[in-house]
């Protein structure tokens, strides 16, 4: 259903929105701001497998969290700061957090035998039972492969994004992901491991957890099919 406004209401909405946007930012980071980013990820990948094809609907989804903190103010998190993110590999796309959807139907389908066992092993292998679906309009459109995005830190100083790896590289090769807040930048490395290697997790420092407290957490990679 389309929402329609008369001219008077429309003018009022636009004026209010313009005033609000002027008040809420995003704002420039303070002089002492810096980025706390993941150290890196090792991703188990076999370039001979069918899932290595581009736009095939299969790949690895890495959930990224970076935190902006203020070194001049006790390393407190800084909200409302714009973060630029750039993928250094054309086969790895950046997905906004809002486009990453939880989907319990796939887990249920694997439990009741609705999906083939080999596909369920591929989807959930070492990633537990969490399954993610990417919203229509992102990686399911041919030739739409976004490698740059901007996002804004929340009240905990955290900015979130998804890194969807659609195609990989030979064992030992990798790429960098770059982060920038204008006055500071940072980067992390993604390395591909051969099929005999296990996917590892890498500790990250400074990431804000669900409790809102800053501390050490562990990043994991998730395999997800996109339908």
N, C-alpha and C. Protein backbone atom coordinates (compact mmCIF):
# COMPACT_ATOMS: atom_id res chain seq x y z
N UNK A 1 0.85 -1.19 0.00
CA UNK A 1 0.00 0.00 0.00
C UNK A 1 0.89 1.24 0.00
N UNK A 2 0.59 2.19 -0.87
CA UNK A 2 1.34 3.43 -0.94
C UNK A 2 0.72 4.45 0.02
N UNK A 3 1.58 5.16 0.73
CA UNK A 3 1.11 6.20 1.63
C UNK A 3 1.13 7.52 0.90
N UNK A 4 0.02 8.24 0.94
CA UNK A 4 -0.08 9.51 0.23
C UNK A 4 -0.31 10.64 1.22
N UNK A 5 0.21 11.80 0.90
CA UNK A 5 0.06 12.97 1.76
C UNK A 5 -0.48 14.12 0.93
N UNK A 6 -1.26 14.98 1.56
CA UNK A 6 -1.60 16.23 0.88
C UNK A 6 -0.41 17.17 0.99
N UNK A 7 -0.45 18.26 0.24
CA UNK A 7 0.73 19.13 0.16
C UNK A 7 1.14 19.69 1.51
N UNK A 8 0.14 20.05 2.33
CA UNK A 8 0.46 20.64 3.61
C UNK A 8 1.17 19.66 4.53
N UNK A 9 0.66 18.43 4.58
CA UNK A 9 1.30 17.42 5.43
C UNK A 9 2.68 17.09 4.91
N UNK A 10 2.81 16.97 3.59
CA UNK A 10 4.10 16.61 3.01
C UNK A 10 5.14 17.67 3.38
N UNK A 11 4.77 18.95 3.27
CA UNK A 11 5.71 20.02 3.59
C UNK A 11 6.13 19.96 5.05
N UNK A 12 5.18 19.67 5.93
CA UNK A 12 5.50 19.58 7.34
C UNK A 12 6.43 18.43 7.64
N UNK A 13 6.21 17.28 6.98
CA UNK A 13 7.06 16.11 7.19
C UNK A 13 8.48 16.39 6.72
N UNK A 14 8.63 17.01 5.55
CA UNK A 14 9.95 17.30 5.02
C UNK A 14 10.70 18.28 5.91
N UNK A 15 10.01 19.32 6.37
CA UNK A 15 10.65 20.31 7.22
C UNK A 15 11.11 19.69 8.54
N UNK A 16 10.26 18.85 9.13
CA UNK A 16 10.62 18.20 10.39
C UNK A 16 11.78 17.25 10.20
N UNK A 17 11.76 16.50 9.09
CA UNK A 17 12.84 15.55 8.83
C UNK A 17 14.16 16.28 8.64
N UNK A 18 14.14 17.41 7.94
CA UNK A 18 15.37 18.17 7.72
C UNK A 18 15.93 18.70 9.04
N UNK A 19 15.04 19.17 9.92
CA UNK A 19 15.48 19.67 11.22
C UNK A 19 16.06 18.55 12.07
N UNK A 20 15.40 17.40 12.04
CA UNK A 20 15.87 16.27 12.84
C UNK A 20 17.23 15.79 12.36
N UNK A 21 17.41 15.67 11.03
CA UNK A 21 18.67 15.17 10.51
C UNK A 21 19.82 16.10 10.85
N UNK A 22 19.53 17.41 10.97
CA UNK A 22 20.58 18.35 11.32
C UNK A 22 21.03 18.17 12.76
N UNK A 23 20.16 17.59 13.60
CA UNK A 23 20.47 17.46 15.03
C UNK A 23 21.13 16.12 15.37
N UNK A 24 20.89 15.10 14.60
CA UNK A 24 21.30 13.76 15.03
C UNK A 24 22.58 13.25 14.38
N UNK A 25 23.16 13.97 13.45
CA UNK A 25 24.42 13.53 12.87
C UNK A 25 24.25 12.63 11.66
N UNK A 26 25.28 11.86 11.28
CA UNK A 26 26.47 11.54 12.08
C UNK A 26 27.39 12.74 12.27
N UNK A 27 28.18 12.65 13.35
CA UNK A 27 29.07 13.74 13.72
C UNK A 27 30.52 13.37 13.44
N UNK A 28 31.40 14.35 13.29
CA UNK A 28 32.83 14.06 13.14
C UNK A 28 33.36 13.38 14.40
N UNK A 29 34.28 12.45 14.25
CA UNK A 29 34.83 11.78 15.44
C UNK A 29 35.71 12.74 16.23
N UNK A 30 35.81 12.54 17.55
CA UNK A 30 36.70 13.38 18.36
C UNK A 30 38.16 13.11 18.00
N UNK A 31 39.07 14.02 18.34
CA UNK A 31 40.49 13.87 17.95
C UNK A 31 41.12 12.56 18.41
N UNK A 32 40.66 12.04 19.54
CA UNK A 32 41.26 10.81 20.06
C UNK A 32 40.61 9.53 19.58
N UNK A 33 39.70 9.61 18.61
CA UNK A 33 38.97 8.42 18.16
C UNK A 33 39.88 7.46 17.40
N UNK A 34 39.61 6.18 17.58
CA UNK A 34 40.31 5.14 16.83
C UNK A 34 39.36 3.98 16.60
N UNK A 35 39.75 3.07 15.72
CA UNK A 35 38.92 1.92 15.35
C UNK A 35 39.47 0.64 15.98
N UNK A 36 38.61 -0.09 16.66
CA UNK A 36 38.95 -1.44 17.13
C UNK A 36 38.28 -2.42 16.17
N UNK A 37 39.10 -3.15 15.41
CA UNK A 37 38.57 -4.03 14.37
C UNK A 37 39.06 -5.46 14.62
N UNK A 38 38.40 -6.46 14.02
CA UNK A 38 38.87 -7.84 14.16
C UNK A 38 40.30 -7.98 13.62
N UNK A 39 41.08 -8.86 14.26
CA UNK A 39 42.45 -9.10 13.79
C UNK A 39 42.46 -9.74 12.41
N UNK A 40 41.48 -10.60 12.14
CA UNK A 40 41.43 -11.26 10.85
C UNK A 40 40.65 -12.57 10.93
N UNK A 41 40.45 -13.18 9.78
CA UNK A 41 39.71 -14.43 9.70
C UNK A 41 40.44 -15.41 8.81
N UNK A 42 40.43 -16.69 9.19
CA UNK A 42 40.86 -17.78 8.33
C UNK A 42 39.62 -18.52 7.87
N UNK A 43 39.44 -18.66 6.57
CA UNK A 43 38.24 -19.28 6.01
C UNK A 43 38.61 -20.53 5.24
N UNK A 44 38.04 -21.66 5.62
CA UNK A 44 38.25 -22.91 4.90
C UNK A 44 37.51 -22.85 3.57
N UNK A 45 38.25 -23.13 2.46
CA UNK A 45 37.64 -22.95 1.14
C UNK A 45 38.27 -23.93 0.15
N UNK A 46 37.45 -24.47 -0.72
CA UNK A 46 37.92 -25.38 -1.77
C UNK A 46 37.48 -24.81 -3.11
N UNK A 47 38.42 -24.29 -3.90
CA UNK A 47 38.06 -23.62 -5.15
C UNK A 47 37.57 -24.60 -6.21
N UNK A 48 37.70 -25.92 -5.96
CA UNK A 48 37.21 -26.90 -6.94
C UNK A 48 35.73 -27.22 -6.75
N UNK A 49 35.14 -26.74 -5.65
CA UNK A 49 33.74 -27.06 -5.37
C UNK A 49 32.79 -26.13 -6.10
N UNK A 50 31.56 -26.60 -6.28
CA UNK A 50 30.56 -25.82 -7.01
C UNK A 50 30.27 -24.49 -6.33
N UNK A 51 30.38 -24.43 -5.00
CA UNK A 51 30.04 -23.19 -4.30
C UNK A 51 31.02 -22.05 -4.59
N UNK A 52 32.13 -22.36 -5.31
CA UNK A 52 33.09 -21.31 -5.63
C UNK A 52 32.64 -20.42 -6.78
N UNK A 53 31.57 -20.80 -7.47
CA UNK A 53 31.09 -20.01 -8.62
C UNK A 53 30.48 -18.69 -8.15
N UNK A 54 30.58 -17.68 -8.98
CA UNK A 54 29.99 -16.37 -8.68
C UNK A 54 28.49 -16.40 -8.94
N UNK A 55 27.74 -15.75 -8.06
CA UNK A 55 26.29 -15.63 -8.18
C UNK A 55 25.58 -16.98 -8.17
N UNK A 56 26.15 -17.94 -7.42
CA UNK A 56 25.52 -19.26 -7.34
C UNK A 56 24.61 -19.40 -6.13
N UNK A 57 24.60 -18.39 -5.25
CA UNK A 57 23.74 -18.45 -4.08
C UNK A 57 24.37 -19.11 -2.88
N UNK A 58 25.66 -19.48 -2.96
CA UNK A 58 26.34 -20.11 -1.84
C UNK A 58 27.60 -19.32 -1.50
N UNK A 59 27.97 -19.32 -0.23
CA UNK A 59 29.20 -18.64 0.16
C UNK A 59 29.34 -18.56 1.66
N UNK A 60 30.37 -17.86 2.11
CA UNK A 60 30.59 -17.63 3.54
C UNK A 60 30.11 -16.24 3.90
N UNK A 61 29.43 -16.15 5.02
CA UNK A 61 29.00 -14.85 5.54
C UNK A 61 29.73 -14.58 6.85
N UNK A 62 30.57 -13.56 6.85
CA UNK A 62 31.27 -13.15 8.06
C UNK A 62 30.55 -11.94 8.63
N UNK A 63 30.15 -12.03 9.87
CA UNK A 63 29.47 -10.92 10.54
C UNK A 63 30.53 -10.03 11.20
N UNK A 64 30.65 -8.81 10.69
CA UNK A 64 31.67 -7.88 11.15
C UNK A 64 31.11 -6.92 12.19
N UNK A 65 31.90 -6.66 13.23
CA UNK A 65 31.59 -5.60 14.19
C UNK A 65 32.87 -4.82 14.43
N UNK A 66 32.83 -3.52 14.23
CA UNK A 66 33.96 -2.64 14.55
C UNK A 66 33.46 -1.61 15.54
N UNK A 67 34.36 -1.15 16.39
CA UNK A 67 33.99 -0.22 17.45
C UNK A 67 34.87 1.02 17.36
N UNK A 68 34.24 2.18 17.45
CA UNK A 68 34.98 3.45 17.52
C UNK A 68 35.08 3.84 18.99
N UNK A 69 36.32 4.07 19.45
CA UNK A 69 36.56 4.42 20.84
C UNK A 69 37.40 5.69 20.92
N UNK A 70 37.35 6.36 22.05
CA UNK A 70 38.04 7.63 22.23
C UNK A 70 39.19 7.44 23.21
N UNK A 71 40.42 7.48 22.69
CA UNK A 71 41.60 7.27 23.52
C UNK A 71 41.81 8.40 24.52
N UNK A 72 41.25 9.58 24.22
CA UNK A 72 41.41 10.71 25.13
C UNK A 72 40.34 10.76 26.21
N UNK A 73 39.45 9.80 26.20
CA UNK A 73 38.35 9.81 27.16
C UNK A 73 38.12 8.40 27.72
N UNK A 74 39.21 7.80 28.15
CA UNK A 74 39.13 6.49 28.79
C UNK A 74 38.67 5.37 27.88
N UNK A 75 38.93 5.49 26.58
CA UNK A 75 38.53 4.48 25.59
C UNK A 75 37.02 4.24 25.55
N UNK A 76 36.28 5.26 25.91
CA UNK A 76 34.82 5.14 25.85
C UNK A 76 34.36 5.01 24.39
N UNK A 77 33.30 4.24 24.13
CA UNK A 77 32.78 4.12 22.77
C UNK A 77 32.18 5.44 22.30
N UNK A 78 32.26 5.66 20.99
CA UNK A 78 31.75 6.91 20.40
C UNK A 78 30.62 6.57 19.44
N UNK A 79 29.45 7.11 19.69
CA UNK A 79 28.32 6.83 18.83
C UNK A 79 28.18 7.89 17.74
N UNK A 80 27.32 7.61 16.76
CA UNK A 80 26.99 8.56 15.69
C UNK A 80 28.20 8.99 14.86
N UNK A 81 29.12 8.09 14.62
CA UNK A 81 30.28 8.35 13.77
C UNK A 81 30.15 7.49 12.51
N UNK A 82 30.35 8.10 11.37
CA UNK A 82 30.27 7.34 10.12
C UNK A 82 31.53 6.51 9.91
N UNK A 83 31.33 5.25 9.52
CA UNK A 83 32.43 4.34 9.25
C UNK A 83 32.34 3.90 7.79
N UNK A 84 33.42 4.10 7.05
CA UNK A 84 33.51 3.60 5.68
C UNK A 84 34.17 2.23 5.69
N UNK A 85 33.61 1.31 4.90
CA UNK A 85 34.16 -0.04 4.82
C UNK A 85 34.39 -0.37 3.35
N UNK A 86 35.56 -0.93 3.05
CA UNK A 86 35.92 -1.28 1.68
C UNK A 86 36.47 -2.69 1.64
N UNK A 87 35.89 -3.54 0.80
CA UNK A 87 36.40 -4.89 0.58
C UNK A 87 37.47 -4.83 -0.50
N UNK A 88 38.62 -5.42 -0.22
CA UNK A 88 39.72 -5.41 -1.18
C UNK A 88 39.68 -6.55 -2.17
N UNK A 89 38.55 -7.24 -2.27
CA UNK A 89 38.42 -8.38 -3.17
C UNK A 89 37.06 -8.33 -3.84
N UNK A 90 37.04 -8.39 -5.16
CA UNK A 90 35.78 -8.26 -5.89
C UNK A 90 34.86 -9.45 -5.69
N UNK A 91 35.35 -10.54 -5.12
CA UNK A 91 34.51 -11.70 -4.85
C UNK A 91 33.92 -11.72 -3.45
N UNK A 92 34.14 -10.64 -2.68
CA UNK A 92 33.61 -10.53 -1.32
C UNK A 92 32.82 -9.23 -1.22
N UNK A 93 31.52 -9.33 -0.93
CA UNK A 93 30.63 -8.19 -0.99
C UNK A 93 30.23 -7.73 0.41
N UNK A 94 29.99 -6.45 0.53
CA UNK A 94 29.57 -5.87 1.81
C UNK A 94 28.06 -5.73 1.84
N UNK A 95 27.47 -6.24 2.91
CA UNK A 95 26.02 -6.28 3.06
C UNK A 95 25.61 -5.51 4.30
N UNK A 96 24.68 -4.57 4.20
CA UNK A 96 24.22 -3.85 5.40
C UNK A 96 23.61 -4.81 6.42
N UNK A 97 23.75 -4.45 7.68
CA UNK A 97 23.22 -5.31 8.75
C UNK A 97 21.72 -5.55 8.58
N UNK A 98 20.99 -4.52 8.15
CA UNK A 98 19.54 -4.65 8.02
C UNK A 98 19.13 -5.66 6.97
N UNK A 99 20.04 -5.98 6.03
CA UNK A 99 19.72 -6.93 4.96
C UNK A 99 20.04 -8.37 5.34
N UNK A 100 20.62 -8.58 6.53
CA UNK A 100 20.95 -9.93 6.99
C UNK A 100 19.83 -10.41 7.91
N UNK A 101 19.11 -11.40 7.45
CA UNK A 101 17.91 -11.84 8.14
C UNK A 101 18.12 -13.23 8.76
N UNK A 102 17.57 -13.43 9.95
CA UNK A 102 17.58 -14.75 10.56
C UNK A 102 16.51 -15.60 9.91
N UNK A 103 16.80 -16.88 9.70
CA UNK A 103 15.84 -17.78 9.06
C UNK A 103 15.89 -19.13 9.77
N UNK A 104 14.86 -19.41 10.55
CA UNK A 104 14.82 -20.68 11.29
C UNK A 104 14.25 -21.82 10.45
N UNK A 105 13.65 -21.51 9.30
CA UNK A 105 12.99 -22.55 8.50
C UNK A 105 13.98 -23.55 7.95
N UNK A 106 15.20 -23.10 7.64
CA UNK A 106 16.20 -24.01 7.08
C UNK A 106 16.65 -25.02 8.13
N UNK A 107 16.91 -24.53 9.34
CA UNK A 107 17.30 -25.44 10.41
C UNK A 107 16.20 -26.47 10.67
N UNK A 108 14.98 -26.02 10.67
CA UNK A 108 13.86 -26.93 10.89
C UNK A 108 13.75 -27.94 9.75
N UNK A 109 13.99 -27.47 8.51
CA UNK A 109 13.94 -28.37 7.36
C UNK A 109 15.00 -29.44 7.40
N UNK A 110 16.18 -29.09 7.91
CA UNK A 110 17.25 -30.09 8.03
C UNK A 110 16.94 -31.09 9.14
N UNK A 111 16.31 -30.61 10.19
CA UNK A 111 15.98 -31.50 11.30
C UNK A 111 14.90 -32.51 10.91
N UNK A 112 13.95 -32.11 10.09
CA UNK A 112 12.86 -33.03 9.74
C UNK A 112 13.06 -33.74 8.40
N UNK A 113 14.27 -33.58 7.81
CA UNK A 113 14.58 -34.30 6.58
C UNK A 113 14.06 -33.66 5.31
N UNK A 114 13.63 -32.42 5.39
CA UNK A 114 13.10 -31.74 4.21
C UNK A 114 14.20 -31.47 3.17
N UNK A 115 15.43 -31.21 3.66
CA UNK A 115 16.55 -30.91 2.77
C UNK A 115 17.54 -32.08 2.77
N UNK A 116 18.26 -32.29 1.65
CA UNK A 116 19.24 -33.37 1.57
C UNK A 116 20.32 -33.23 2.65
N UNK A 117 20.79 -34.36 3.15
CA UNK A 117 21.75 -34.34 4.25
C UNK A 117 23.06 -33.66 3.85
N UNK A 118 23.52 -33.88 2.60
CA UNK A 118 24.78 -33.28 2.19
C UNK A 118 24.69 -31.75 2.11
N UNK A 119 23.51 -31.24 1.72
CA UNK A 119 23.34 -29.80 1.68
C UNK A 119 23.31 -29.22 3.10
N UNK A 120 22.68 -29.92 4.01
CA UNK A 120 22.64 -29.44 5.39
C UNK A 120 24.04 -29.41 6.00
N UNK A 121 24.85 -30.40 5.66
CA UNK A 121 26.22 -30.41 6.15
C UNK A 121 27.01 -29.22 5.61
N UNK A 122 26.75 -28.87 4.35
CA UNK A 122 27.42 -27.72 3.76
C UNK A 122 26.96 -26.43 4.43
N UNK A 123 25.67 -26.31 4.66
CA UNK A 123 25.13 -25.08 5.22
C UNK A 123 25.55 -24.87 6.66
N UNK A 124 25.53 -25.95 7.45
CA UNK A 124 25.73 -25.80 8.88
C UNK A 124 27.05 -26.34 9.39
N UNK A 125 27.82 -27.01 8.51
CA UNK A 125 29.10 -27.61 8.85
C UNK A 125 29.67 -27.29 10.21
N UNK A 126 30.46 -26.23 10.30
CA UNK A 126 31.10 -25.86 11.55
C UNK A 126 30.51 -24.58 12.12
N UNK A 127 29.42 -24.13 11.56
CA UNK A 127 28.86 -22.85 11.98
C UNK A 127 27.70 -23.00 12.96
N UNK A 128 27.49 -24.20 13.49
CA UNK A 128 26.39 -24.40 14.41
C UNK A 128 25.07 -24.50 13.67
N UNK A 129 24.01 -24.01 14.30
CA UNK A 129 22.69 -24.12 13.69
C UNK A 129 22.13 -22.77 13.25
N UNK A 130 22.96 -21.73 13.30
CA UNK A 130 22.50 -20.42 12.86
C UNK A 130 22.51 -20.35 11.34
N UNK A 131 21.43 -19.87 10.78
CA UNK A 131 21.33 -19.71 9.33
C UNK A 131 20.93 -18.27 9.05
N UNK A 132 21.54 -17.70 8.03
CA UNK A 132 21.23 -16.32 7.67
C UNK A 132 20.76 -16.26 6.23
N UNK A 133 19.81 -15.41 5.99
CA UNK A 133 19.32 -15.16 4.65
C UNK A 133 19.58 -13.70 4.33
N UNK A 134 20.03 -13.43 3.12
CA UNK A 134 20.28 -12.05 2.71
C UNK A 134 19.09 -11.56 1.91
N UNK A 135 18.61 -10.39 2.26
CA UNK A 135 17.38 -9.86 1.68
C UNK A 135 17.50 -9.69 0.17
N UNK A 136 16.37 -9.81 -0.50
CA UNK A 136 16.32 -9.60 -1.94
C UNK A 136 16.86 -8.22 -2.29
N UNK A 137 17.55 -8.15 -3.41
CA UNK A 137 18.08 -6.87 -3.87
C UNK A 137 19.55 -6.68 -3.58
N UNK A 138 20.19 -7.70 -2.99
CA UNK A 138 21.62 -7.59 -2.71
C UNK A 138 22.38 -8.61 -3.56
N UNK A 139 22.82 -9.73 -2.99
CA UNK A 139 23.66 -10.63 -3.77
C UNK A 139 22.89 -11.52 -4.74
N UNK A 140 21.56 -11.45 -4.73
CA UNK A 140 20.81 -12.32 -5.64
C UNK A 140 20.60 -11.67 -7.00
N UNK A 141 21.14 -10.48 -7.20
CA UNK A 141 21.03 -9.82 -8.50
C UNK A 141 22.36 -9.94 -9.22
N UNK A 142 22.35 -10.47 -10.44
CA UNK A 142 23.58 -10.63 -11.21
C UNK A 142 24.28 -9.29 -11.38
N UNK A 143 25.60 -9.34 -11.23
CA UNK A 143 26.46 -8.18 -11.45
C UNK A 143 26.28 -7.08 -10.41
N UNK A 144 25.57 -7.36 -9.31
CA UNK A 144 25.47 -6.39 -8.22
C UNK A 144 26.35 -6.88 -7.09
N UNK A 145 27.58 -6.38 -7.04
CA UNK A 145 28.57 -6.89 -6.11
C UNK A 145 29.19 -5.72 -5.34
N UNK A 146 28.48 -5.19 -4.35
CA UNK A 146 28.97 -4.00 -3.64
C UNK A 146 30.20 -4.29 -2.78
N UNK A 147 31.27 -3.56 -3.02
CA UNK A 147 32.50 -3.73 -2.23
C UNK A 147 32.78 -2.50 -1.37
N UNK A 148 31.86 -1.55 -1.34
CA UNK A 148 32.01 -0.34 -0.51
C UNK A 148 30.69 -0.02 0.15
N UNK A 149 30.75 0.41 1.40
CA UNK A 149 29.54 0.84 2.08
C UNK A 149 29.91 1.78 3.22
N UNK A 150 28.93 2.51 3.69
CA UNK A 150 29.10 3.33 4.89
C UNK A 150 28.03 2.93 5.90
N UNK A 151 28.38 3.04 7.15
CA UNK A 151 27.43 2.77 8.23
C UNK A 151 27.75 3.72 9.37
N UNK A 152 26.95 3.69 10.41
CA UNK A 152 27.10 4.63 11.52
C UNK A 152 27.14 3.84 12.83
N UNK A 153 28.00 4.26 13.75
CA UNK A 153 28.10 3.56 15.03
C UNK A 153 26.84 3.79 15.87
N UNK A 154 26.47 2.76 16.62
CA UNK A 154 25.30 2.85 17.49
C UNK A 154 25.70 3.41 18.84
N UNK A 155 24.78 3.34 19.81
CA UNK A 155 25.03 3.95 21.13
C UNK A 155 26.17 3.26 21.88
N UNK A 156 26.54 2.07 21.45
CA UNK A 156 27.68 1.37 22.05
C UNK A 156 28.97 1.60 21.28
N UNK A 157 28.92 2.45 20.29
CA UNK A 157 30.11 2.74 19.48
C UNK A 157 30.39 1.70 18.43
N UNK A 158 29.46 0.78 18.23
CA UNK A 158 29.68 -0.34 17.31
C UNK A 158 29.01 -0.10 15.96
N UNK A 159 29.67 -0.52 14.91
CA UNK A 159 29.11 -0.52 13.56
C UNK A 159 29.16 -1.95 13.03
N UNK A 160 28.09 -2.37 12.36
CA UNK A 160 27.95 -3.76 11.94
C UNK A 160 27.77 -3.86 10.43
N UNK A 161 28.26 -4.95 9.87
CA UNK A 161 28.08 -5.22 8.44
C UNK A 161 28.31 -6.70 8.20
N UNK A 162 27.87 -7.17 7.06
CA UNK A 162 28.14 -8.54 6.65
C UNK A 162 29.14 -8.55 5.51
N UNK A 163 30.08 -9.47 5.55
CA UNK A 163 31.02 -9.68 4.44
C UNK A 163 30.69 -11.02 3.82
N UNK A 164 30.07 -11.00 2.64
CA UNK A 164 29.66 -12.23 1.97
C UNK A 164 30.72 -12.63 0.95
N UNK A 165 31.37 -13.76 1.20
CA UNK A 165 32.41 -14.26 0.30
C UNK A 165 31.76 -15.21 -0.69
N UNK A 166 31.66 -14.78 -1.93
CA UNK A 166 30.98 -15.53 -2.98
C UNK A 166 31.91 -16.49 -3.69
N UNK A 167 33.16 -16.09 -3.87
CA UNK A 167 34.16 -16.93 -4.52
C UNK A 167 35.48 -16.73 -3.80
N UNK A 168 36.33 -17.77 -3.79
CA UNK A 168 37.54 -17.72 -2.99
C UNK A 168 38.82 -17.73 -3.80
N UNK A 169 39.93 -18.05 -3.11
CA UNK A 169 41.26 -18.07 -3.71
C UNK A 169 41.96 -19.36 -3.30
N UNK A 170 43.13 -19.58 -3.89
CA UNK A 170 43.95 -20.73 -3.54
C UNK A 170 44.40 -20.67 -2.09
N UNK A 171 44.80 -21.82 -1.57
CA UNK A 171 45.27 -21.94 -0.20
C UNK A 171 46.38 -20.92 0.10
N UNK A 172 46.21 -20.19 1.18
CA UNK A 172 47.22 -19.23 1.61
C UNK A 172 47.06 -17.83 1.08
N UNK A 173 46.21 -17.65 0.09
CA UNK A 173 45.96 -16.31 -0.44
C UNK A 173 44.83 -15.64 0.33
N UNK A 174 44.72 -14.33 0.19
CA UNK A 174 43.66 -13.62 0.90
C UNK A 174 43.54 -12.19 0.44
N UNK A 175 42.84 -11.41 1.23
CA UNK A 175 42.60 -10.01 0.90
C UNK A 175 42.36 -9.24 2.19
N UNK A 176 42.37 -7.92 2.07
CA UNK A 176 42.14 -7.06 3.23
C UNK A 176 40.78 -6.38 3.14
N UNK A 177 40.25 -6.06 4.30
CA UNK A 177 39.06 -5.22 4.41
C UNK A 177 39.49 -3.96 5.15
N UNK A 178 39.11 -2.81 4.60
CA UNK A 178 39.59 -1.53 5.11
C UNK A 178 38.45 -0.74 5.79
N UNK A 179 38.80 -0.06 6.88
CA UNK A 179 37.84 0.73 7.65
C UNK A 179 38.40 2.15 7.82
N UNK A 180 37.52 3.15 7.75
CA UNK A 180 37.98 4.53 7.84
C UNK A 180 36.92 5.40 8.52
N UNK A 181 37.39 6.29 9.42
CA UNK A 181 36.48 7.25 10.05
C UNK A 181 36.93 8.68 9.78
N UNK A 182 37.75 8.87 8.76
CA UNK A 182 38.20 10.20 8.40
C UNK A 182 39.55 10.55 8.99
N UNK A 183 39.67 10.49 10.32
CA UNK A 183 40.94 10.83 10.96
C UNK A 183 41.78 9.61 11.28
N UNK A 184 41.18 8.44 11.21
CA UNK A 184 41.88 7.19 11.48
C UNK A 184 41.39 6.12 10.52
N UNK A 185 42.27 5.17 10.24
CA UNK A 185 41.85 4.01 9.45
C UNK A 185 42.44 2.75 10.05
N UNK A 186 41.92 1.62 9.62
CA UNK A 186 42.38 0.32 10.11
C UNK A 186 42.05 -0.72 9.05
N UNK A 187 42.60 -1.89 9.18
CA UNK A 187 42.33 -2.96 8.23
C UNK A 187 42.42 -4.32 8.90
N UNK A 188 41.80 -5.29 8.30
CA UNK A 188 41.89 -6.68 8.75
C UNK A 188 42.10 -7.57 7.54
N UNK A 189 42.61 -8.76 7.77
CA UNK A 189 42.95 -9.67 6.68
C UNK A 189 42.07 -10.92 6.72
N UNK A 190 41.63 -11.34 5.55
CA UNK A 190 40.92 -12.61 5.39
C UNK A 190 41.83 -13.54 4.59
N UNK A 191 42.10 -14.72 5.14
CA UNK A 191 43.00 -15.68 4.49
C UNK A 191 42.24 -16.97 4.18
N UNK A 192 42.42 -17.48 2.97
CA UNK A 192 41.77 -18.73 2.58
C UNK A 192 42.69 -19.91 2.89
N UNK A 193 42.11 -20.94 3.49
CA UNK A 193 42.82 -22.17 3.79
C UNK A 193 42.35 -23.26 2.85
N UNK A 194 43.24 -24.19 2.53
CA UNK A 194 42.88 -25.29 1.65
C UNK A 194 41.83 -26.19 2.25
N UNK A 195 41.26 -27.12 1.47
CA UNK A 195 40.14 -27.95 1.94
C UNK A 195 40.49 -28.86 3.10
N UNK A 196 41.77 -29.13 3.34
CA UNK A 196 42.14 -30.01 4.46
C UNK A 196 42.27 -29.25 5.77
N UNK A 197 42.23 -27.92 5.67
CA UNK A 197 42.34 -27.11 6.88
C UNK A 197 40.96 -26.84 7.46
N UNK A 198 40.90 -26.63 8.75
CA UNK A 198 39.65 -26.30 9.42
C UNK A 198 39.49 -24.79 9.49
N UNK A 199 38.24 -24.34 9.42
CA UNK A 199 37.96 -22.92 9.63
C UNK A 199 38.26 -22.57 11.08
N UNK A 200 39.03 -21.52 11.27
CA UNK A 200 39.42 -21.10 12.61
C UNK A 200 38.67 -19.85 13.01
N UNK A 201 38.74 -19.58 14.30
CA UNK A 201 38.18 -18.32 14.80
C UNK A 201 39.33 -17.45 15.28
N UNK A 202 39.12 -16.18 15.26
CA UNK A 202 40.15 -15.23 15.65
C UNK A 202 39.60 -14.30 16.71
N UNK A 203 40.34 -14.15 17.81
CA UNK A 203 39.90 -13.23 18.85
C UNK A 203 40.00 -11.80 18.37
N UNK A 204 39.05 -11.00 18.80
CA UNK A 204 39.08 -9.58 18.48
C UNK A 204 39.08 -8.79 19.77
N UNK A 205 39.75 -7.68 19.76
CA UNK A 205 39.86 -6.86 20.96
C UNK A 205 39.04 -5.60 20.81
N UNK A 206 38.25 -5.32 21.81
CA UNK A 206 37.52 -4.07 21.82
C UNK A 206 36.13 -4.15 21.24
N UNK A 207 35.66 -5.33 20.87
CA UNK A 207 34.32 -5.44 20.29
C UNK A 207 33.27 -5.41 21.40
N UNK A 208 32.19 -4.73 21.15
CA UNK A 208 31.13 -4.62 22.15
C UNK A 208 30.18 -5.79 22.05
N UNK A 209 29.98 -6.50 23.15
CA UNK A 209 29.11 -7.66 23.15
C UNK A 209 27.67 -7.29 23.42
N UNK A 210 26.83 -8.30 23.58
CA UNK A 210 25.40 -8.07 23.76
C UNK A 210 25.09 -7.35 25.07
N UNK A 211 25.98 -7.49 26.05
CA UNK A 211 25.72 -6.85 27.33
C UNK A 211 26.05 -5.37 27.31
N UNK A 212 26.72 -4.91 26.25
CA UNK A 212 27.09 -3.51 26.17
C UNK A 212 28.46 -3.24 26.78
N UNK A 213 29.12 -4.27 27.33
CA UNK A 213 30.43 -4.09 27.91
C UNK A 213 31.48 -4.40 26.85
N UNK A 214 32.57 -3.63 26.87
CA UNK A 214 33.63 -3.82 25.90
C UNK A 214 34.62 -4.84 26.43
N UNK A 215 35.00 -5.79 25.58
CA UNK A 215 35.94 -6.80 26.00
C UNK A 215 36.30 -7.71 24.86
N UNK A 216 37.03 -8.79 25.15
CA UNK A 216 37.45 -9.72 24.11
C UNK A 216 36.29 -10.62 23.72
N UNK A 217 36.12 -10.80 22.42
CA UNK A 217 35.11 -11.71 21.92
C UNK A 217 35.72 -12.54 20.82
N UNK A 218 34.97 -13.50 20.33
CA UNK A 218 35.47 -14.37 19.27
C UNK A 218 34.60 -14.25 18.05
N UNK A 219 35.23 -13.99 16.89
CA UNK A 219 34.51 -13.91 15.64
C UNK A 219 34.45 -15.30 15.02
N UNK A 220 33.36 -15.63 14.37
CA UNK A 220 33.25 -16.89 13.66
C UNK A 220 32.76 -16.63 12.26
N UNK A 221 33.01 -17.59 11.39
CA UNK A 221 32.48 -17.49 10.04
C UNK A 221 31.27 -18.39 9.92
N UNK A 222 30.33 -18.01 9.06
CA UNK A 222 29.11 -18.78 8.87
C UNK A 222 28.90 -19.06 7.40
N UNK A 223 28.60 -20.32 7.08
CA UNK A 223 28.29 -20.68 5.71
C UNK A 223 26.81 -20.52 5.49
N UNK A 224 26.43 -19.83 4.44
CA UNK A 224 25.01 -19.59 4.22
C UNK A 224 24.65 -19.66 2.74
N UNK A 225 23.61 -20.40 2.38
CA UNK A 225 23.11 -20.33 1.01
C UNK A 225 22.14 -19.18 0.86
N UNK A 226 22.16 -18.55 -0.29
CA UNK A 226 21.23 -17.46 -0.55
C UNK A 226 20.23 -17.95 -1.58
N UNK A 227 18.97 -17.93 -1.23
CA UNK A 227 17.95 -18.46 -2.12
C UNK A 227 17.16 -17.33 -2.75
